[in-house]
């Protein structure tokens, strides 16, 4: 079934369930700006390949060559919109795709298609890689009945944060803080400069007011209790081993039941289940936005009588 590039609010799939369209979180002007900057970066001067192929109308098919969760459609669309090309989708955002599958087609002047090819593929391959990893982690922690949230981190690629954070949502997990303006995050350098945890929390609340959550990075139970007493909304137990995390999280929840407890630091897919404690609300992982695997895509100009999927296999 062909899916229009203008998605309806019912065609977003999350973990196999139709959900409100997460792409509506993206501002259209921001998408346009990013697409233009990416395209200018890739072709800053002459388009030599465009001279070769000209402006004949062509159609190219987008092939997803690995198993994974499809993500990044709005950014892919924005790139080709800037080039006056039309994108028609055959698969929904968030769908789990078996290889090799034609997931979309792009129609327009051939030189315009090729101007957008690598930019759009870079985006969708990375977004789908993150969404796939996020989806796998989400399913993994659910196997042990854990009720908390897996989250990404602020360790994102400069200039590519919006795509990476969006892909986490498509994969079914939390973005955590989007940036330093999303919440007040007090790390060790802030605290050392302020003099104490209590002083740091007190000072930042002057400007943060009631509307901005405060999170404090803590390396001991004593620091965590000081932060909670000072009014921190979220306590991050940083670099705790699973053995140290369990009693610390329990003690905090007993004294401060309304405080959100997050843990982070060196947690991987292999160790994450050791941190799935009932007193831990959030497990944040940099692996999801730093050093993630990608999903392989190709964009192939259609030729009569040739199945593009067979062409990929031969290559």
C-alpha atoms as a PDB file:
ATOM      1  CA  UNK A   1       0.000   0.000   0.000  1.00  0.00           C
ATOM      2  CA  UNK A   2       1.385   3.404  -0.924  1.00  0.00           C
ATOM      3  CA  UNK A   3       1.631   5.886   1.939  1.00  0.00           C
ATOM      4  CA  UNK A   4       1.689   9.578   1.087  1.00  0.00           C
ATOM      5  CA  UNK A   5       4.677  11.585   2.290  1.00  0.00           C
ATOM      6  CA  UNK A   6       2.138  13.820   4.052  1.00  0.00           C
ATOM      7  CA  UNK A   7       1.481  11.393   6.912  1.00  0.00           C
ATOM      8  CA  UNK A   8      -1.836  11.299   8.700  1.00  0.00           C
ATOM      9  CA  UNK A   9      -2.037  11.162  12.490  1.00  0.00           C
ATOM     10  CA  UNK A  10      -2.817   7.449  12.332  1.00  0.00           C
ATOM     11  CA  UNK A  11       0.037   6.075  10.221  1.00  0.00           C
ATOM     12  CA  UNK A  12       2.818   6.122  12.819  1.00  0.00           C
ATOM     13  CA  UNK A  13       3.717   2.699  14.167  1.00  0.00           C
ATOM     14  CA  UNK A  14       5.423   2.246  17.536  1.00  0.00           C
ATOM     15  CA  UNK A  15       6.304  -1.304  18.578  1.00  0.00           C
ATOM     16  CA  UNK A  16       3.689  -2.595  16.169  1.00  0.00           C
ATOM     17  CA  UNK A  17       0.927  -0.380  17.579  1.00  0.00           C
ATOM     18  CA  UNK A  18      -0.544   2.641  15.823  1.00  0.00           C
ATOM     19  CA  UNK A  19       0.165   5.763  17.855  1.00  0.00           C
ATOM     20  CA  UNK A  20      -0.140   9.560  17.501  1.00  0.00           C
ATOM     21  CA  UNK A  21       2.204  10.823  14.818  1.00  0.00           C
ATOM     22  CA  UNK A  22       5.516  11.630  16.509  1.00  0.00           C
ATOM     23  CA  UNK A  23       6.679  13.556  13.436  1.00  0.00           C
ATOM     24  CA  UNK A  24       4.282  16.339  14.420  1.00  0.00           C
ATOM     25  CA  UNK A  25       6.821  17.307  17.088  1.00  0.00           C
ATOM     26  CA  UNK A  26       9.095  18.621  14.325  1.00  0.00           C
ATOM     27  CA  UNK A  27       8.790  22.274  13.296  1.00  0.00           C
ATOM     28  CA  UNK A  28       8.463  22.632   9.496  1.00  0.00           C
ATOM     29  CA  UNK A  29      10.765  25.664   9.377  1.00  0.00           C
ATOM     30  CA  UNK A  30      13.437  23.769  11.299  1.00  0.00           C
ATOM     31  CA  UNK A  31      13.147  20.856   8.864  1.00  0.00           C
ATOM     32  CA  UNK A  32      13.522  23.243   5.944  1.00  0.00           C
ATOM     33  CA  UNK A  33      16.552  24.933   7.505  1.00  0.00           C
ATOM     34  CA  UNK A  34      18.306  21.639   8.243  1.00  0.00           C
ATOM     35  CA  UNK A  35      17.634  20.277   4.760  1.00  0.00           C
ATOM     36  CA  UNK A  36      19.063  23.396   3.129  1.00  0.00           C
ATOM     37  CA  UNK A  37      22.180  23.354   5.291  1.00  0.00           C
ATOM     38  CA  UNK A  38      22.802  19.662   4.653  1.00  0.00           C
ATOM     39  CA  UNK A  39      22.379  20.104   0.896  1.00  0.00           C
ATOM     40  CA  UNK A  40      24.694  23.139   0.810  1.00  0.00           C
ATOM     41  CA  UNK A  41      27.328  21.196   2.738  1.00  0.00           C
ATOM     42  CA  UNK A  42      27.246  18.283   0.292  1.00  0.00           C
ATOM     43  CA  UNK A  43      27.348  20.424  -2.887  1.00  0.00           C
ATOM     44  CA  UNK A  44      28.870  23.794  -1.954  1.00  0.00           C
ATOM     45  CA  UNK A  45      29.846  24.740  -5.518  1.00  0.00           C
ATOM     46  CA  UNK A  46      29.406  23.151  -8.982  1.00  0.00           C
ATOM     47  CA  UNK A  47      27.169  20.125  -9.477  1.00  0.00           C
ATOM     48  CA  UNK A  48      29.373  18.206 -11.895  1.00  0.00           C
ATOM     49  CA  UNK A  49      27.250  15.052 -11.773  1.00  0.00           C
ATOM     50  CA  UNK A  50      24.164  17.109 -12.534  1.00  0.00           C
ATOM     51  CA  UNK A  51      25.800  18.377 -15.724  1.00  0.00           C
ATOM     52  CA  UNK A  52      26.284  14.769 -16.790  1.00  0.00           C
ATOM     53  CA  UNK A  53      22.746  13.477 -16.189  1.00  0.00           C
ATOM     54  CA  UNK A  54      20.638  16.543 -16.948  1.00  0.00           C
ATOM     55  CA  UNK A  55      16.993  17.133 -16.059  1.00  0.00           C
ATOM     56  CA  UNK A  56      15.186  14.128 -17.465  1.00  0.00           C
ATOM     57  CA  UNK A  57      12.277  13.013 -15.291  1.00  0.00           C
ATOM     58  CA  UNK A  58      13.108   9.799 -13.450  1.00  0.00           C
ATOM     59  CA  UNK A  59      11.939   7.681 -10.524  1.00  0.00           C
ATOM     60  CA  UNK A  60      14.268   6.122  -7.953  1.00  0.00           C
ATOM     61  CA  UNK A  61      13.351   3.495  -5.394  1.00  0.00           C
ATOM     62  CA  UNK A  62      14.564   3.478  -1.793  1.00  0.00           C
ATOM     63  CA  UNK A  63      15.671   0.017  -0.690  1.00  0.00           C
ATOM     64  CA  UNK A  64      16.106  -0.964   2.957  1.00  0.00           C
ATOM     65  CA  UNK A  65      18.798  -3.647   2.893  1.00  0.00           C
ATOM     66  CA  UNK A  66      19.007  -4.667   6.570  1.00  0.00           C
ATOM     67  CA  UNK A  67      16.368  -5.681   9.079  1.00  0.00           C
ATOM     68  CA  UNK A  68      15.436  -2.699  11.215  1.00  0.00           C
ATOM     69  CA  UNK A  69      12.974  -0.050  12.308  1.00  0.00           C
ATOM     70  CA  UNK A  70      12.325   2.566   9.627  1.00  0.00           C
ATOM     71  CA  UNK A  71      12.923   6.101  10.915  1.00  0.00           C
ATOM     72  CA  UNK A  72      13.729   9.521   9.508  1.00  0.00           C
ATOM     73  CA  UNK A  73      10.935   9.997   7.002  1.00  0.00           C
ATOM     74  CA  UNK A  74      10.283  13.702   7.770  1.00  0.00           C
ATOM     75  CA  UNK A  75      13.957  14.598   7.228  1.00  0.00           C
ATOM     76  CA  UNK A  76      14.154  12.500   4.054  1.00  0.00           C
ATOM     77  CA  UNK A  77      11.024  14.265   2.779  1.00  0.00           C
ATOM     78  CA  UNK A  78      12.417  17.709   3.663  1.00  0.00           C
ATOM     79  CA  UNK A  79      15.586  17.110   1.648  1.00  0.00           C
ATOM     80  CA  UNK A  80      13.703  16.154  -1.505  1.00  0.00           C
ATOM     81  CA  UNK A  81      11.093  18.858  -1.016  1.00  0.00           C
ATOM     82  CA  UNK A  82      13.913  21.409  -1.304  1.00  0.00           C
ATOM     83  CA  UNK A  83      14.824  19.804  -4.630  1.00  0.00           C
ATOM     84  CA  UNK A  84      11.250  19.795  -5.997  1.00  0.00           C
ATOM     85  CA  UNK A  85      11.032  16.010  -5.905  1.00  0.00           C
ATOM     86  CA  UNK A  86       8.082  13.918  -4.757  1.00  0.00           C
ATOM     87  CA  UNK A  87       8.453  11.126  -2.205  1.00  0.00           C
ATOM     88  CA  UNK A  88       5.865   8.336  -1.958  1.00  0.00           C
ATOM     89  CA  UNK A  89       6.200   5.908   0.934  1.00  0.00           C
ATOM     90  CA  UNK A  90       5.207   2.247   0.978  1.00  0.00           C
ATOM     91  CA  UNK A  91       6.048   1.714   4.663  1.00  0.00           C
ATOM     92  CA  UNK A  92       5.154   3.588   7.839  1.00  0.00           C
ATOM     93  CA  UNK A  93       7.530   5.362  10.159  1.00  0.00           C
ATOM     94  CA  UNK A  94       8.413   2.970  12.974  1.00  0.00           C
ATOM     95  CA  UNK A  95       7.630  -0.161  10.956  1.00  0.00           C
ATOM     96  CA  UNK A  96       9.900  -3.178  11.289  1.00  0.00           C
ATOM     97  CA  UNK A  97      11.219  -4.016   7.830  1.00  0.00           C
ATOM     98  CA  UNK A  98      12.680  -7.238   6.483  1.00  0.00           C
ATOM     99  CA  UNK A  99      15.408  -6.898   3.821  1.00  0.00           C
ATOM    100  CA  UNK A 100      15.492  -6.253   0.920  1.00  0.00           C
ATOM    101  CA  UNK A 101      12.349  -4.089   0.782  1.00  0.00           C
ATOM    102  CA  UNK A 102      11.382  -1.142  -1.403  1.00  0.00           C
ATOM    103  CA  UNK A 103      10.140   1.333   1.226  1.00  0.00           C
ATOM    104  CA  UNK A 104       9.631   4.446  -0.927  1.00  0.00           C
ATOM    105  CA  UNK A 105      10.077   6.008  -4.339  1.00  0.00           C
ATOM    106  CA  UNK A 106      11.381   9.441  -5.285  1.00  0.00           C
ATOM    107  CA  UNK A 107      10.261  11.146  -8.494  1.00  0.00           C
ATOM    108  CA  UNK A 108      11.654  14.264 -10.158  1.00  0.00           C
ATOM    109  CA  UNK A 109      14.419  15.615 -12.354  1.00  0.00           C
ATOM    110  CA  UNK A 110      17.284  13.151 -12.251  1.00  0.00           C
ATOM    111  CA  UNK A 111      19.948  15.684 -11.301  1.00  0.00           C
ATOM    112  CA  UNK A 112      17.764  16.843  -8.417  1.00  0.00           C
ATOM    113  CA  UNK A 113      17.271  13.267  -7.211  1.00  0.00           C
ATOM    114  CA  UNK A 114      21.020  12.681  -7.257  1.00  0.00           C
ATOM    115  CA  UNK A 115      21.713  15.942  -5.426  1.00  0.00           C
ATOM    116  CA  UNK A 116      19.588  14.678  -2.540  1.00  0.00           C
ATOM    117  CA  UNK A 117      20.591  11.012  -2.701  1.00  0.00           C
ATOM    118  CA  UNK A 118      23.544  10.805  -0.308  1.00  0.00           C
ATOM    119  CA  UNK A 119      22.231  13.434   2.088  1.00  0.00           C
ATOM    120  CA  UNK A 120      18.881  11.682   2.445  1.00  0.00           C
ATOM    121  CA  UNK A 121      20.467   8.225   2.731  1.00  0.00           C
ATOM    122  CA  UNK A 122      22.849   9.414   5.447  1.00  0.00           C
ATOM    123  CA  UNK A 123      19.895  10.668   7.452  1.00  0.00           C
ATOM    124  CA  UNK A 124      17.581   7.684   7.117  1.00  0.00           C
ATOM    125  CA  UNK A 125      20.343   5.118   7.697  1.00  0.00           C
ATOM    126  CA  UNK A 126      21.409   6.758  10.945  1.00  0.00           C
ATOM    127  CA  UNK A 127      17.885   7.468  12.173  1.00  0.00           C
ATOM    128  CA  UNK A 128      16.830   3.895  11.470  1.00  0.00           C
ATOM    129  CA  UNK A 129      19.921   2.560  13.223  1.00  0.00           C
ATOM    130  CA  UNK A 130      19.084   4.475  16.388  1.00  0.00           C
ATOM    131  CA  UNK A 131      15.394   3.551  16.239  1.00  0.00           C
ATOM    132  CA  UNK A 132      16.288  -0.115  15.793  1.00  0.00           C
ATOM    133  CA  UNK A 133      18.672  -0.124  18.770  1.00  0.00           C
ATOM    134  CA  UNK A 134      16.143   1.766  20.885  1.00  0.00           C
ATOM    135  CA  UNK A 135      13.366  -0.649  19.973  1.00  0.00           C
ATOM    136  CA  UNK A 136      15.538  -3.651  20.832  1.00  0.00           C
ATOM    137  CA  UNK A 137      16.425  -2.204  24.236  1.00  0.00           C
ATOM    138  CA  UNK A 138      12.828  -1.330  24.976  1.00  0.00           C
ATOM    139  CA  UNK A 139      11.725  -4.883  24.278  1.00  0.00           C
ATOM    140  CA  UNK A 140      14.632  -6.292  26.296  1.00  0.00           C
ATOM    141  CA  UNK A 141      13.832  -4.450  29.536  1.00  0.00           C
ATOM    142  CA  UNK A 142      10.182  -5.358  29.212  1.00  0.00           C
ATOM    143  CA  UNK A 143      11.103  -9.060  29.351  1.00  0.00           C
ATOM    144  CA  UNK A 144      11.950  -8.646  33.053  1.00  0.00           C
ATOM    145  CA  UNK A 145       8.840  -6.603  33.814  1.00  0.00           C
ATOM    146  CA  UNK A 146      10.685  -3.370  34.521  1.00  0.00           C
ATOM    147  CA  UNK A 147       8.324  -0.353  34.522  1.00  0.00           C
ATOM    148  CA  UNK A 148      10.873   2.438  34.131  1.00  0.00           C
ATOM    149  CA  UNK A 149      12.127   4.254  31.035  1.00  0.00           C
ATOM    150  CA  UNK A 150      15.201   3.772  28.895  1.00  0.00           C
ATOM    151  CA  UNK A 151      16.559   7.117  27.721  1.00  0.00           C
ATOM    152  CA  UNK A 152      19.200   8.446  25.363  1.00  0.00           C
ATOM    153  CA  UNK A 153      21.712  11.032  26.476  1.00  0.00           C
ATOM    154  CA  UNK A 154      23.033  14.451  25.447  1.00  0.00           C
ATOM    155  CA  UNK A 155      26.048  12.762  23.824  1.00  0.00           C
ATOM    156  CA  UNK A 156      24.768  13.466  20.334  1.00  0.00           C
ATOM    157  CA  UNK A 157      26.481  14.331  17.048  1.00  0.00           C
ATOM    158  CA  UNK A 158      26.908  18.131  16.741  1.00  0.00           C
ATOM    159  CA  UNK A 159      24.448  19.441  14.170  1.00  0.00           C
ATOM    160  CA  UNK A 160      22.550  16.151  14.046  1.00  0.00           C
ATOM    161  CA  UNK A 161      20.914  16.158  17.486  1.00  0.00           C
ATOM    162  CA  UNK A 162      17.358  16.674  16.268  1.00  0.00           C
ATOM    163  CA  UNK A 163      17.495  13.593  14.043  1.00  0.00           C
ATOM    164  CA  UNK A 164      19.061  11.424  16.748  1.00  0.00           C
ATOM    165  CA  UNK A 165      16.639  12.510  19.462  1.00  0.00           C
ATOM    166  CA  UNK A 166      13.671  12.074  17.116  1.00  0.00           C
ATOM    167  CA  UNK A 167      14.852   8.560  16.212  1.00  0.00           C
ATOM    168  CA  UNK A 168      14.857   7.602  19.901  1.00  0.00           C
ATOM    169  CA  UNK A 169      11.162   8.500  20.043  1.00  0.00           C
ATOM    170  CA  UNK A 170      10.428   6.432  16.943  1.00  0.00           C
ATOM    171  CA  UNK A 171      12.214   3.515  18.604  1.00  0.00           C
ATOM    172  CA  UNK A 172       9.953   3.832  21.627  1.00  0.00           C
ATOM    173  CA  UNK A 173      12.225   5.273  24.308  1.00  0.00           C
ATOM    174  CA  UNK A 174      12.754   8.623  26.021  1.00  0.00           C
ATOM    175  CA  UNK A 175      14.978  11.408  24.718  1.00  0.00           C
ATOM    176  CA  UNK A 176      16.008  12.407  28.273  1.00  0.00           C
ATOM    177  CA  UNK A 177      17.019  16.096  28.290  1.00  0.00           C
ATOM    178  CA  UNK A 178      17.114  17.457  24.769  1.00  0.00           C
ATOM    179  CA  UNK A 179      19.690  20.144  25.552  1.00  0.00           C
ATOM    180  CA  UNK A 180      20.925  22.351  28.399  1.00  0.00           C
ATOM    181  CA  UNK A 181      17.818  24.530  28.148  1.00  0.00           C
ATOM    182  CA  UNK A 182      15.390  21.612  28.607  1.00  0.00           C
ATOM    183  CA  UNK A 183      16.098  21.244  32.317  1.00  0.00           C
ATOM    184  CA  UNK A 184      18.662  22.401  34.863  1.00  0.00           C
ATOM    185  CA  UNK A 185      21.356  19.740  34.905  1.00  0.00           C
ATOM    186  CA  UNK A 186      23.937  20.143  37.662  1.00  0.00           C
ATOM    187  CA  UNK A 187      27.025  18.023  37.067  1.00  0.00           C
ATOM    188  CA  UNK A 188      30.198  17.757  39.123  1.00  0.00           C
ATOM    189  CA  UNK A 189      31.791  20.873  37.599  1.00  0.00           C
ATOM    190  CA  UNK A 190      28.742  22.989  38.424  1.00  0.00           C
ATOM    191  CA  UNK A 191      28.703  21.729  42.005  1.00  0.00           C
ATOM    192  CA  UNK A 192      32.444  22.197  42.589  1.00  0.00           C
ATOM    193  CA  UNK A 193      32.183  25.756  41.278  1.00  0.00           C
ATOM    194  CA  UNK A 194      29.090  26.586  43.349  1.00  0.00           C
ATOM    195  CA  UNK A 195      30.633  25.152  46.514  1.00  0.00           C
ATOM    196  CA  UNK A 196      28.034  22.525  47.422  1.00  0.00           C
ATOM    197  CA  UNK A 197      25.065  20.642  46.060  1.00  0.00           C
ATOM    198  CA  UNK A 198      22.638  22.527  48.291  1.00  0.00           C
ATOM    199  CA  UNK A 199      24.022  25.904  47.184  1.00  0.00           C
ATOM    200  CA  UNK A 200      23.950  24.921  43.511  1.00  0.00           C
ATOM    201  CA  UNK A 201      20.307  23.818  43.677  1.00  0.00           C
ATOM    202  CA  UNK A 202      19.292  26.941  45.608  1.00  0.00           C
ATOM    203  CA  UNK A 203      21.017  29.285  43.161  1.00  0.00           C
ATOM    204  CA  UNK A 204      19.678  27.668  39.988  1.00  0.00           C
ATOM    205  CA  UNK A 205      16.092  27.724  41.260  1.00  0.00           C
ATOM    206  CA  UNK A 206      16.262  31.537  41.240  1.00  0.00           C
ATOM    207  CA  UNK A 207      16.282  31.507  37.439  1.00  0.00           C
ATOM    208  CA  UNK A 208      14.615  28.166  36.777  1.00  0.00           C
ATOM    209  CA  UNK A 209      11.465  28.964  38.726  1.00  0.00           C
ATOM    210  CA  UNK A 210       8.725  26.353  39.247  1.00  0.00           C
ATOM    211  CA  UNK A 211       8.511  25.354  35.582  1.00  0.00           C
ATOM    212  CA  UNK A 212      11.969  23.830  35.103  1.00  0.00           C
ATOM    213  CA  UNK A 213      13.038  20.526  36.629  1.00  0.00           C
ATOM    214  CA  UNK A 214      16.386  20.285  38.418  1.00  0.00           C
ATOM    215  CA  UNK A 215      18.590  17.201  38.055  1.00  0.00           C
ATOM    216  CA  UNK A 216      21.749  16.636  40.084  1.00  0.00           C
ATOM    217  CA  UNK A 217      24.519  14.200  39.203  1.00  0.00           C
ATOM    218  CA  UNK A 218      25.510  12.306  42.352  1.00  0.00           C
ATOM    219  CA  UNK A 219      28.356   9.901  42.985  1.00  0.00           C
ATOM    220  CA  UNK A 220      27.351   8.739  46.455  1.00  0.00           C
ATOM    221  CA  UNK A 221      24.225   8.164  48.537  1.00  0.00           C
ATOM    222  CA  UNK A 222      25.229  11.104  50.745  1.00  0.00           C
ATOM    223  CA  UNK A 223      25.338  13.444  47.735  1.00  0.00           C
ATOM    224  CA  UNK A 224      21.988  12.106  46.536  1.00  0.00           C
ATOM    225  CA  UNK A 225      20.323  12.758  49.895  1.00  0.00           C
ATOM    226  CA  UNK A 226      21.750  16.285  49.990  1.00  0.00           C
ATOM    227  CA  UNK A 227      20.367  16.946  46.508  1.00  0.00           C
ATOM    228  CA  UNK A 228      16.944  15.598  47.446  1.00  0.00           C
ATOM    229  CA  UNK A 229      16.835  17.690  50.650  1.00  0.00           C
ATOM    230  CA  UNK A 230      17.763  20.748  48.584  1.00  0.00           C
ATOM    231  CA  UNK A 231      14.768  20.218  46.285  1.00  0.00           C
ATOM    232  CA  UNK A 232      16.195  18.411  43.274  1.00  0.00           C
ATOM    233  CA  UNK A 233      13.471  16.801  41.160  1.00  0.00           C
ATOM    234  CA  UNK A 234      15.715  14.138  39.620  1.00  0.00           C
ATOM    235  CA  UNK A 235      18.696  12.377  41.165  1.00  0.00           C
ATOM    236  CA  UNK A 236      21.185  10.833  38.769  1.00  0.00           C
ATOM    237  CA  UNK A 237      23.155   8.044  40.408  1.00  0.00           C
ATOM    238  CA  UNK A 238      26.227   8.261  38.197  1.00  0.00           C
ATOM    239  CA  UNK A 239      28.626   5.359  37.657  1.00  0.00           C
ATOM    240  CA  UNK A 240      27.056   3.172  40.327  1.00  0.00           C
ATOM    241  CA  UNK A 241      27.683  -0.552  39.986  1.00  0.00           C
ATOM    242  CA  UNK A 242      24.519  -2.691  39.980  1.00  0.00           C
ATOM    243  CA  UNK A 243      25.450  -3.934  43.464  1.00  0.00           C
ATOM    244  CA  UNK A 244      25.757  -0.378  44.831  1.00  0.00           C
ATOM    245  CA  UNK A 245      22.745   0.915  42.912  1.00  0.00           C
ATOM    246  CA  UNK A 246      20.154  -1.384  44.498  1.00  0.00           C
ATOM    247  CA  UNK A 247      20.548  -0.299  48.148  1.00  0.00           C
ATOM    248  CA  UNK A 248      21.144   3.349  47.235  1.00  0.00           C
ATOM    249  CA  UNK A 249      17.990   3.591  45.102  1.00  0.00           C
ATOM    250  CA  UNK A 250      15.961   1.810  47.802  1.00  0.00           C
ATOM    251  CA  UNK A 251      17.176   4.165  50.534  1.00  0.00           C
ATOM    252  CA  UNK A 252      16.404   7.225  48.415  1.00  0.00           C
ATOM    253  CA  UNK A 253      12.907   6.095  47.486  1.00  0.00           C
ATOM    254  CA  UNK A 254      12.072   5.332  51.117  1.00  0.00           C
ATOM    255  CA  UNK A 255      13.110   8.841  52.232  1.00  0.00           C
ATOM    256  CA  UNK A 256      12.042  10.748  49.104  1.00  0.00           C
ATOM    257  CA  UNK A 257       9.292   8.777  47.333  1.00  0.00           C
ATOM    258  CA  UNK A 258       8.529  11.587  44.866  1.00  0.00           C
ATOM    259  CA  UNK A 259      12.100  12.012  43.628  1.00  0.00           C
ATOM    260  CA  UNK A 260      12.821  10.570  40.184  1.00  0.00           C
ATOM    261  CA  UNK A 261      15.868   8.295  40.249  1.00  0.00           C
ATOM    262  CA  UNK A 262      17.998   7.995  37.134  1.00  0.00           C
ATOM    263  CA  UNK A 263      21.127   5.917  36.695  1.00  0.00           C
ATOM    264  CA  UNK A 264      23.784   6.287  34.050  1.00  0.00           C
ATOM    265  CA  UNK A 265      27.412   5.567  33.268  1.00  0.00           C
ATOM    266  CA  UNK A 266      28.858   2.748  31.199  1.00  0.00           C
ATOM    267  CA  UNK A 267      25.578   0.850  30.831  1.00  0.00           C
ATOM    268  CA  UNK A 268      25.377  -1.322  27.714  1.00  0.00           C
ATOM    269  CA  UNK A 269      22.942  -3.704  26.054  1.00  0.00           C
ATOM    270  CA  UNK A 270      24.772  -6.552  27.784  1.00  0.00           C
ATOM    271  CA  UNK A 271      24.493  -5.063  31.295  1.00  0.00           C
ATOM    272  CA  UNK A 272      21.255  -3.064  31.194  1.00  0.00           C
ATOM    273  CA  UNK A 273      19.109  -5.766  32.820  1.00  0.00           C
ATOM    274  CA  UNK A 274      21.288  -5.588  35.944  1.00  0.00           C
ATOM    275  CA  UNK A 275      20.091  -1.991  36.425  1.00  0.00           C
ATOM    276  CA  UNK A 276      16.366  -2.712  36.007  1.00  0.00           C
ATOM    277  CA  UNK A 277      15.490  -2.209  39.656  1.00  0.00           C
ATOM    278  CA  UNK A 278      11.993  -1.312  40.851  1.00  0.00           C
ATOM    279  CA  UNK A 279      13.342   1.811  42.595  1.00  0.00           C
ATOM    280  CA  UNK A 280      15.054   3.088  39.447  1.00  0.00           C
ATOM    281  CA  UNK A 281      12.855   5.198  37.185  1.00  0.00           C
ATOM    282  CA  UNK A 282      15.221   5.957  34.303  1.00  0.00           C
ATOM    283  CA  UNK A 283      18.245   4.246  32.779  1.00  0.00           C
ATOM    284  CA  UNK A 284      20.102   6.568  30.418  1.00  0.00           C
ATOM    285  CA  UNK A 285      22.618   5.298  27.876  1.00  0.00           C
ATOM    286  CA  UNK A 286      24.983   7.179  25.596  1.00  0.00           C
ATOM    287  CA  UNK A 287      25.391   4.122  23.351  1.00  0.00           C
ATOM    288  CA  UNK A 288      22.102   4.988  21.660  1.00  0.00           C
ATOM    289  CA  UNK A 289      23.387   8.298  20.277  1.00  0.00           C
ATOM    290  CA  UNK A 290      27.126   7.657  20.306  1.00  0.00           C
ATOM    291  CA  UNK A 291      28.676   4.900  18.256  1.00  0.00           C
ATOM    292  CA  UNK A 292      25.394   3.388  17.090  1.00  0.00           C
ATOM    293  CA  UNK A 293      25.101   0.982  14.159  1.00  0.00           C
ATOM    294  CA  UNK A 294      23.380   2.162  10.991  1.00  0.00           C
ATOM    295  CA  UNK A 295      20.826   0.483   8.720  1.00  0.00           C
ATOM    296  CA  UNK A 296      21.870   0.124   5.088  1.00  0.00           C
ATOM    297  CA  UNK A 297      19.777   1.844   2.396  1.00  0.00           C
ATOM    298  CA  UNK A 298      20.214   2.411  -1.351  1.00  0.00           C
ATOM    299  CA  UNK A 299      18.454   4.721  -3.779  1.00  0.00           C
ATOM    300  CA  UNK A 300      18.319   3.259  -7.290  1.00  0.00           C
ATOM    301  CA  UNK A 301      17.006   4.828 -10.503  1.00  0.00           C
ATOM    302  CA  UNK A 302      14.351   2.493 -11.918  1.00  0.00           C
ATOM    303  CA  UNK A 303      15.011   0.837 -15.256  1.00  0.00           C
ATOM    304  CA  UNK A 304      12.441  -1.105 -17.265  1.00  0.00           C
ATOM    305  CA  UNK A 305      12.579  -4.845 -16.697  1.00  0.00           C
ATOM    306  CA  UNK A 306      15.133  -4.666 -13.865  1.00  0.00           C
ATOM    307  CA  UNK A 307      14.195  -5.449 -10.265  1.00  0.00           C
ATOM    308  CA  UNK A 308      16.335  -3.083  -8.129  1.00  0.00           C
ATOM    309  CA  UNK A 309      16.445  -5.678  -5.358  1.00  0.00           C
ATOM    310  CA  UNK A 310      18.197  -8.105  -7.707  1.00  0.00           C
ATOM    311  CA  UNK A 311      20.664  -5.391  -8.658  1.00  0.00           C
ATOM    312  CA  UNK A 312      21.616  -4.951  -5.006  1.00  0.00           C
ATOM    313  CA  UNK A 313      22.206  -8.674  -4.573  1.00  0.00           C
ATOM    314  CA  UNK A 314      24.502  -8.781  -7.618  1.00  0.00           C
ATOM    315  CA  UNK A 315      26.524  -5.846  -6.327  1.00  0.00           C
END
